Amino acid sequence: MATMKENLEQILKEARGENVESLAIITRDGLTITSDVSAGLDEEILAAMMATIYKAAEIAASRLKKSTAKRIITEFNDESVIITSIEPKALLVTIVKSKGDYELVCKKIDTTAEKIEKVFS
């Protein structure tokens, strides 16, 4: 029987595609649970930065009296970073090529997040 980490690694491998360059499952404190990132990308720094961005969005939502963010998208010239909440303790970080179809990518991310939630439950 596969371990939790092996199951999560398999889910990330299945989510990788033409537009998806890197994926990571991180804690809300910025620690990497598992990842499938491109060469040259420091997953520890990535996890810390993405958790910080998500925490800032949570604080902003609280001040605006809004619910917790489901997804945060940061667009750059050549790629985008999508941070998706996986309740209750994790985040899915996805780096995608900017020229991709966001609706399709977000559906794939949602499906991936649901699979990850099942492993955690």
N, C-alpha and C. Protein backbone atom coordinates (compact mmCIF):
# COMPACT_ATOMS: atom_id res chain seq x y z
N MET A 1 0.84 -1.18 0.00
CA MET A 1 0.00 0.00 0.00
C MET A 1 0.89 1.25 0.00
N ALA A 2 0.52 2.22 -0.80
CA ALA A 2 1.30 3.45 -0.94
C ALA A 2 1.16 4.33 0.30
N THR A 3 2.23 5.05 0.60
CA THR A 3 2.20 5.99 1.72
C THR A 3 1.47 7.26 1.30
N MET A 4 1.15 8.10 2.28
CA MET A 4 0.49 9.37 1.98
C MET A 4 1.36 10.20 1.03
N LYS A 5 2.64 10.28 1.30
CA LYS A 5 3.55 11.07 0.46
C LYS A 5 3.57 10.52 -0.97
N GLU A 6 3.62 9.21 -1.11
CA GLU A 6 3.61 8.61 -2.45
C GLU A 6 2.32 8.93 -3.19
N ASN A 7 1.20 8.88 -2.48
CA ASN A 7 -0.09 9.23 -3.09
C ASN A 7 -0.11 10.68 -3.56
N LEU A 8 0.41 11.58 -2.72
CA LEU A 8 0.45 13.00 -3.08
C LEU A 8 1.38 13.24 -4.26
N GLU A 9 2.52 12.57 -4.28
CA GLU A 9 3.46 12.70 -5.40
C GLU A 9 2.81 12.25 -6.71
N GLN A 10 2.05 11.17 -6.64
CA GLN A 10 1.37 10.66 -7.84
C GLN A 10 0.32 11.66 -8.34
N ILE A 11 -0.40 12.27 -7.41
CA ILE A 11 -1.41 13.28 -7.79
C ILE A 11 -0.74 14.45 -8.50
N LEU A 12 0.41 14.90 -8.00
CA LEU A 12 1.12 16.01 -8.63
C LEU A 12 1.62 15.62 -10.02
N LYS A 13 2.13 14.41 -10.17
CA LYS A 13 2.59 13.95 -11.48
C LYS A 13 1.45 13.92 -12.49
N GLU A 14 0.28 13.49 -12.05
CA GLU A 14 -0.89 13.45 -12.93
C GLU A 14 -1.35 14.85 -13.32
N ALA A 15 -1.13 15.83 -12.44
CA ALA A 15 -1.58 17.20 -12.70
C ALA A 15 -0.63 17.95 -13.63
N ARG A 16 0.57 17.49 -13.74
CA ARG A 16 1.57 18.14 -14.59
C ARG A 16 1.10 18.04 -16.03
N GLY A 17 1.25 19.09 -16.80
CA GLY A 17 0.80 19.06 -18.18
C GLY A 17 1.50 20.10 -19.02
N GLU A 18 0.97 20.33 -20.20
CA GLU A 18 1.58 21.24 -21.15
C GLU A 18 1.76 22.65 -20.57
N ASN A 19 0.74 23.16 -19.88
CA ASN A 19 0.81 24.52 -19.33
C ASN A 19 1.32 24.56 -17.90
N VAL A 20 1.30 23.43 -17.20
CA VAL A 20 1.70 23.40 -15.80
C VAL A 20 3.19 23.09 -15.71
N GLU A 21 3.95 24.04 -15.18
CA GLU A 21 5.40 23.88 -15.10
C GLU A 21 5.87 23.29 -13.78
N SER A 22 5.24 23.68 -12.68
CA SER A 22 5.65 23.20 -11.35
C SER A 22 4.44 23.15 -10.44
N LEU A 23 4.50 22.24 -9.47
CA LEU A 23 3.45 22.12 -8.45
C LEU A 23 4.10 21.83 -7.11
N ALA A 24 3.46 22.32 -6.06
CA ALA A 24 3.93 22.00 -4.71
C ALA A 24 2.74 22.01 -3.76
N ILE A 25 2.78 21.09 -2.82
CA ILE A 25 1.81 21.09 -1.72
C ILE A 25 2.59 21.56 -0.51
N ILE A 26 2.13 22.65 0.08
CA ILE A 26 2.84 23.24 1.22
C ILE A 26 1.91 23.44 2.39
N THR A 27 2.49 23.59 3.57
CA THR A 27 1.68 23.93 4.73
C THR A 27 1.44 25.44 4.70
N ARG A 28 0.46 25.87 5.47
CA ARG A 28 0.18 27.31 5.56
C ARG A 28 1.29 28.05 6.29
N ASP A 29 2.19 27.30 6.93
CA ASP A 29 3.35 27.90 7.59
C ASP A 29 4.56 28.00 6.66
N GLY A 30 4.43 27.49 5.43
CA GLY A 30 5.50 27.62 4.46
C GLY A 30 6.48 26.47 4.38
N LEU A 31 6.07 25.29 4.82
CA LEU A 31 6.92 24.10 4.71
C LEU A 31 6.43 23.24 3.56
N THR A 32 7.36 22.66 2.82
CA THR A 32 6.99 21.81 1.70
C THR A 32 6.57 20.44 2.20
N ILE A 33 5.41 19.99 1.76
CA ILE A 33 4.95 18.62 2.04
C ILE A 33 5.49 17.71 0.95
N THR A 34 5.26 18.08 -0.29
CA THR A 34 5.84 17.40 -1.44
C THR A 34 5.75 18.33 -2.64
N SER A 35 6.58 18.08 -3.64
CA SER A 35 6.56 18.97 -4.79
C SER A 35 7.02 18.25 -6.05
N ASP A 36 6.69 18.85 -7.18
CA ASP A 36 7.16 18.44 -8.49
C ASP A 36 7.51 19.74 -9.21
N VAL A 37 8.70 20.27 -8.90
CA VAL A 37 9.08 21.59 -9.41
C VAL A 37 10.16 21.49 -10.47
N SER A 38 10.21 22.49 -11.32
CA SER A 38 11.21 22.56 -12.39
C SER A 38 12.60 22.70 -11.80
N ALA A 39 13.57 22.23 -12.54
CA ALA A 39 14.96 22.35 -12.11
C ALA A 39 15.32 23.81 -11.91
N GLY A 40 16.10 24.06 -10.89
CA GLY A 40 16.54 25.42 -10.61
C GLY A 40 15.61 26.20 -9.70
N LEU A 41 14.46 25.65 -9.39
CA LEU A 41 13.50 26.32 -8.51
C LEU A 41 13.72 25.81 -7.09
N ASP A 42 13.98 26.70 -6.15
CA ASP A 42 14.21 26.33 -4.76
C ASP A 42 12.86 26.15 -4.07
N GLU A 43 12.48 24.91 -3.81
CA GLU A 43 11.15 24.63 -3.27
C GLU A 43 10.96 25.17 -1.86
N GLU A 44 12.02 25.27 -1.07
CA GLU A 44 11.89 25.82 0.28
C GLU A 44 11.56 27.30 0.24
N ILE A 45 12.26 28.04 -0.62
CA ILE A 45 11.98 29.47 -0.76
C ILE A 45 10.60 29.68 -1.38
N LEU A 46 10.27 28.88 -2.39
CA LEU A 46 8.95 28.96 -3.01
C LEU A 46 7.85 28.76 -1.96
N ALA A 47 7.99 27.74 -1.13
CA ALA A 47 6.97 27.44 -0.11
C ALA A 47 6.83 28.59 0.87
N ALA A 48 7.94 29.13 1.32
CA ALA A 48 7.90 30.24 2.29
C ALA A 48 7.23 31.47 1.68
N MET A 49 7.59 31.81 0.45
CA MET A 49 7.02 33.00 -0.20
C MET A 49 5.53 32.83 -0.47
N MET A 50 5.12 31.66 -0.94
CA MET A 50 3.71 31.45 -1.27
C MET A 50 2.84 31.46 -0.02
N ALA A 51 3.34 30.89 1.07
CA ALA A 51 2.60 30.91 2.33
C ALA A 51 2.46 32.35 2.84
N THR A 52 3.50 33.15 2.65
CA THR A 52 3.45 34.55 3.07
C THR A 52 2.41 35.32 2.25
N ILE A 53 2.39 35.10 0.95
CA ILE A 53 1.39 35.75 0.09
C ILE A 53 -0.02 35.35 0.51
N TYR A 54 -0.22 34.05 0.76
CA TYR A 54 -1.54 33.58 1.16
C TYR A 54 -1.96 34.19 2.50
N LYS A 55 -1.03 34.24 3.43
CA LYS A 55 -1.34 34.82 4.76
C LYS A 55 -1.72 36.29 4.62
N ALA A 56 -1.01 37.03 3.75
CA ALA A 56 -1.35 38.44 3.53
C ALA A 56 -2.77 38.56 2.95
N ALA A 57 -3.14 37.67 2.06
CA ALA A 57 -4.50 37.68 1.50
C ALA A 57 -5.54 37.35 2.57
N GLU A 58 -5.22 36.42 3.47
CA GLU A 58 -6.13 36.11 4.58
C GLU A 58 -6.35 37.33 5.48
N ILE A 59 -5.28 38.05 5.77
CA ILE A 59 -5.38 39.25 6.61
C ILE A 59 -6.23 40.31 5.90
N ALA A 60 -5.98 40.49 4.61
CA ALA A 60 -6.77 41.46 3.84
C ALA A 60 -8.25 41.07 3.82
N ALA A 61 -8.53 39.79 3.62
CA ALA A 61 -9.92 39.31 3.62
C ALA A 61 -10.58 39.56 4.96
N SER A 62 -9.86 39.33 6.02
CA SER A 62 -10.40 39.56 7.36
C SER A 62 -10.73 41.03 7.57
N ARG A 63 -9.82 41.90 7.17
CA ARG A 63 -10.04 43.36 7.32
C ARG A 63 -11.21 43.84 6.47
N LEU A 64 -11.42 43.19 5.33
CA LEU A 64 -12.52 43.55 4.44
C LEU A 64 -13.81 42.80 4.79
N LYS A 65 -13.73 41.99 5.86
CA LYS A 65 -14.87 41.18 6.30
C LYS A 65 -15.37 40.24 5.20
N LYS A 66 -14.41 39.59 4.56
CA LYS A 66 -14.68 38.61 3.51
C LYS A 66 -14.26 37.24 3.99
N SER A 67 -14.73 36.22 3.29
CA SER A 67 -14.32 34.86 3.65
C SER A 67 -12.88 34.63 3.21
N THR A 68 -12.31 33.55 3.64
CA THR A 68 -10.92 33.20 3.30
C THR A 68 -10.79 33.00 1.79
N ALA A 69 -9.66 33.39 1.26
CA ALA A 69 -9.40 33.26 -0.18
C ALA A 69 -9.37 31.80 -0.59
N LYS A 70 -10.03 31.50 -1.69
CA LYS A 70 -10.00 30.15 -2.25
C LYS A 70 -8.78 30.00 -3.16
N ARG A 71 -8.50 31.08 -3.91
CA ARG A 71 -7.41 31.02 -4.89
C ARG A 71 -6.81 32.41 -5.05
N ILE A 72 -5.49 32.46 -5.20
CA ILE A 72 -4.78 33.71 -5.46
C ILE A 72 -3.97 33.50 -6.73
N ILE A 73 -4.13 34.41 -7.69
CA ILE A 73 -3.40 34.32 -8.95
C ILE A 73 -2.49 35.54 -9.08
N THR A 74 -1.21 35.28 -9.30
CA THR A 74 -0.25 36.34 -9.55
C THR A 74 0.29 36.14 -10.95
N GLU A 75 0.07 37.13 -11.81
CA GLU A 75 0.49 37.02 -13.20
C GLU A 75 1.81 37.76 -13.43
N PHE A 76 2.70 37.12 -14.16
CA PHE A 76 3.95 37.71 -14.61
C PHE A 76 3.91 37.74 -16.13
N ASN A 77 4.95 38.26 -16.78
CA ASN A 77 4.95 38.33 -18.24
C ASN A 77 4.86 36.96 -18.90
N ASP A 78 5.59 35.99 -18.37
CA ASP A 78 5.68 34.70 -19.05
C ASP A 78 5.06 33.53 -18.30
N GLU A 79 4.60 33.76 -17.08
CA GLU A 79 3.97 32.68 -16.31
C GLU A 79 3.12 33.27 -15.20
N SER A 80 2.36 32.41 -14.57
CA SER A 80 1.52 32.82 -13.44
C SER A 80 1.69 31.82 -12.31
N VAL A 81 1.49 32.30 -11.10
CA VAL A 81 1.51 31.45 -9.93
C VAL A 81 0.09 31.44 -9.35
N ILE A 82 -0.44 30.26 -9.14
CA ILE A 82 -1.78 30.11 -8.60
C ILE A 82 -1.67 29.38 -7.27
N ILE A 83 -2.14 30.02 -6.22
CA ILE A 83 -2.13 29.42 -4.88
C ILE A 83 -3.57 29.06 -4.55
N THR A 84 -3.81 27.78 -4.28
CA THR A 84 -5.16 27.28 -4.01
C THR A 84 -5.22 26.70 -2.61
N SER A 85 -6.24 27.08 -1.87
CA SER A 85 -6.43 26.57 -0.52
C SER A 85 -6.88 25.12 -0.54
N ILE A 86 -6.22 24.31 0.27
CA ILE A 86 -6.65 22.93 0.49
C ILE A 86 -6.95 22.85 1.98
N GLU A 87 -8.21 22.77 2.31
CA GLU A 87 -8.61 22.81 3.71
C GLU A 87 -8.17 21.56 4.45
N PRO A 88 -7.85 21.65 5.71
CA PRO A 88 -7.78 22.89 6.49
C PRO A 88 -6.36 23.44 6.64
N LYS A 89 -5.34 22.69 6.22
CA LYS A 89 -3.98 23.08 6.61
C LYS A 89 -3.00 23.29 5.48
N ALA A 90 -3.38 23.07 4.24
CA ALA A 90 -2.39 23.07 3.17
C ALA A 90 -2.75 24.02 2.04
N LEU A 91 -1.78 24.25 1.17
CA LEU A 91 -1.96 25.06 -0.03
C LEU A 91 -1.36 24.31 -1.21
N LEU A 92 -1.99 24.44 -2.36
CA LEU A 92 -1.45 23.88 -3.60
C LEU A 92 -0.91 25.05 -4.41
N VAL A 93 0.37 25.02 -4.72
CA VAL A 93 1.01 26.06 -5.52
C VAL A 93 1.23 25.50 -6.92
N THR A 94 0.72 26.23 -7.92
CA THR A 94 0.85 25.78 -9.30
C THR A 94 1.46 26.92 -10.12
N ILE A 95 2.51 26.62 -10.85
CA ILE A 95 3.12 27.60 -11.74
C ILE A 95 2.77 27.18 -13.17
N VAL A 96 2.12 28.10 -13.88
CA VAL A 96 1.64 27.80 -15.23
C VAL A 96 2.15 28.83 -16.22
N LYS A 97 2.23 28.42 -17.47
CA LYS A 97 2.56 29.34 -18.55
C LYS A 97 1.39 30.30 -18.71
N SER A 98 1.67 31.58 -18.85
CA SER A 98 0.61 32.59 -18.92
C SER A 98 -0.27 32.47 -20.15
N LYS A 99 0.23 31.87 -21.19
CA LYS A 99 -0.55 31.80 -22.41
C LYS A 99 -1.58 30.68 -22.39
N GLY A 100 -1.69 29.97 -21.29
CA GLY A 100 -2.65 28.88 -21.20
C GLY A 100 -4.06 29.38 -20.95
N ASP A 101 -5.00 28.49 -21.07
CA ASP A 101 -6.41 28.77 -20.82
C ASP A 101 -6.67 28.69 -19.32
N TYR A 102 -6.88 29.86 -18.66
CA TYR A 102 -7.05 29.89 -17.21
C TYR A 102 -8.23 29.06 -16.72
N GLU A 103 -9.32 29.10 -17.45
CA GLU A 103 -10.49 28.34 -17.02
C GLU A 103 -10.19 26.85 -16.97
N LEU A 104 -9.54 26.36 -18.00
CA LEU A 104 -9.17 24.94 -18.06
C LEU A 104 -8.17 24.60 -16.97
N VAL A 105 -7.15 25.46 -16.80
CA VAL A 105 -6.13 25.22 -15.79
C VAL A 105 -6.75 25.22 -14.39
N CYS A 106 -7.63 26.19 -14.12
CA CYS A 106 -8.26 26.26 -12.79
C CYS A 106 -9.15 25.05 -12.51
N LYS A 107 -9.81 24.54 -13.53
CA LYS A 107 -10.60 23.30 -13.35
C LYS A 107 -9.69 22.14 -12.99
N LYS A 108 -8.56 22.05 -13.68
CA LYS A 108 -7.60 20.98 -13.39
C LYS A 108 -7.05 21.13 -11.98
N ILE A 109 -6.76 22.37 -11.58
CA ILE A 109 -6.26 22.62 -10.22
C ILE A 109 -7.31 22.24 -9.19
N ASP A 110 -8.57 22.58 -9.44
CA ASP A 110 -9.65 22.22 -8.51
C ASP A 110 -9.77 20.71 -8.35
N THR A 111 -9.67 19.99 -9.47
CA THR A 111 -9.72 18.52 -9.42
C THR A 111 -8.54 17.98 -8.62
N THR A 112 -7.37 18.54 -8.85
CA THR A 112 -6.17 18.12 -8.12
C THR A 112 -6.33 18.40 -6.63
N ALA A 113 -6.84 19.58 -6.28
CA ALA A 113 -7.04 19.93 -4.87
C ALA A 113 -8.03 18.97 -4.20
N GLU A 114 -9.08 18.59 -4.90
CA GLU A 114 -10.05 17.63 -4.34
C GLU A 114 -9.38 16.28 -4.05
N LYS A 115 -8.53 15.82 -4.97
CA LYS A 115 -7.82 14.56 -4.76
C LYS A 115 -6.89 14.65 -3.55
N ILE A 116 -6.23 15.80 -3.40
CA ILE A 116 -5.32 15.99 -2.27
C ILE A 116 -6.11 16.00 -0.96
N GLU A 117 -7.24 16.69 -0.94
CA GLU A 117 -8.07 16.72 0.26
C GLU A 117 -8.49 15.31 0.68
N LYS A 118 -8.80 14.45 -0.28
CA LYS A 118 -9.19 13.07 0.03
C LYS A 118 -8.03 12.30 0.68
N VAL A 119 -6.82 12.55 0.20
CA VAL A 119 -5.66 11.88 0.80
C VAL A 119 -5.47 12.35 2.25
N PHE A 120 -5.68 13.64 2.49
CA PHE A 120 -5.51 14.18 3.84
C PHE A 120 -6.61 13.74 4.80
N SER A 121 -7.77 13.41 4.28
CA SER A 121 -8.89 13.06 5.19
C SER A 121 -8.86 11.62 5.64
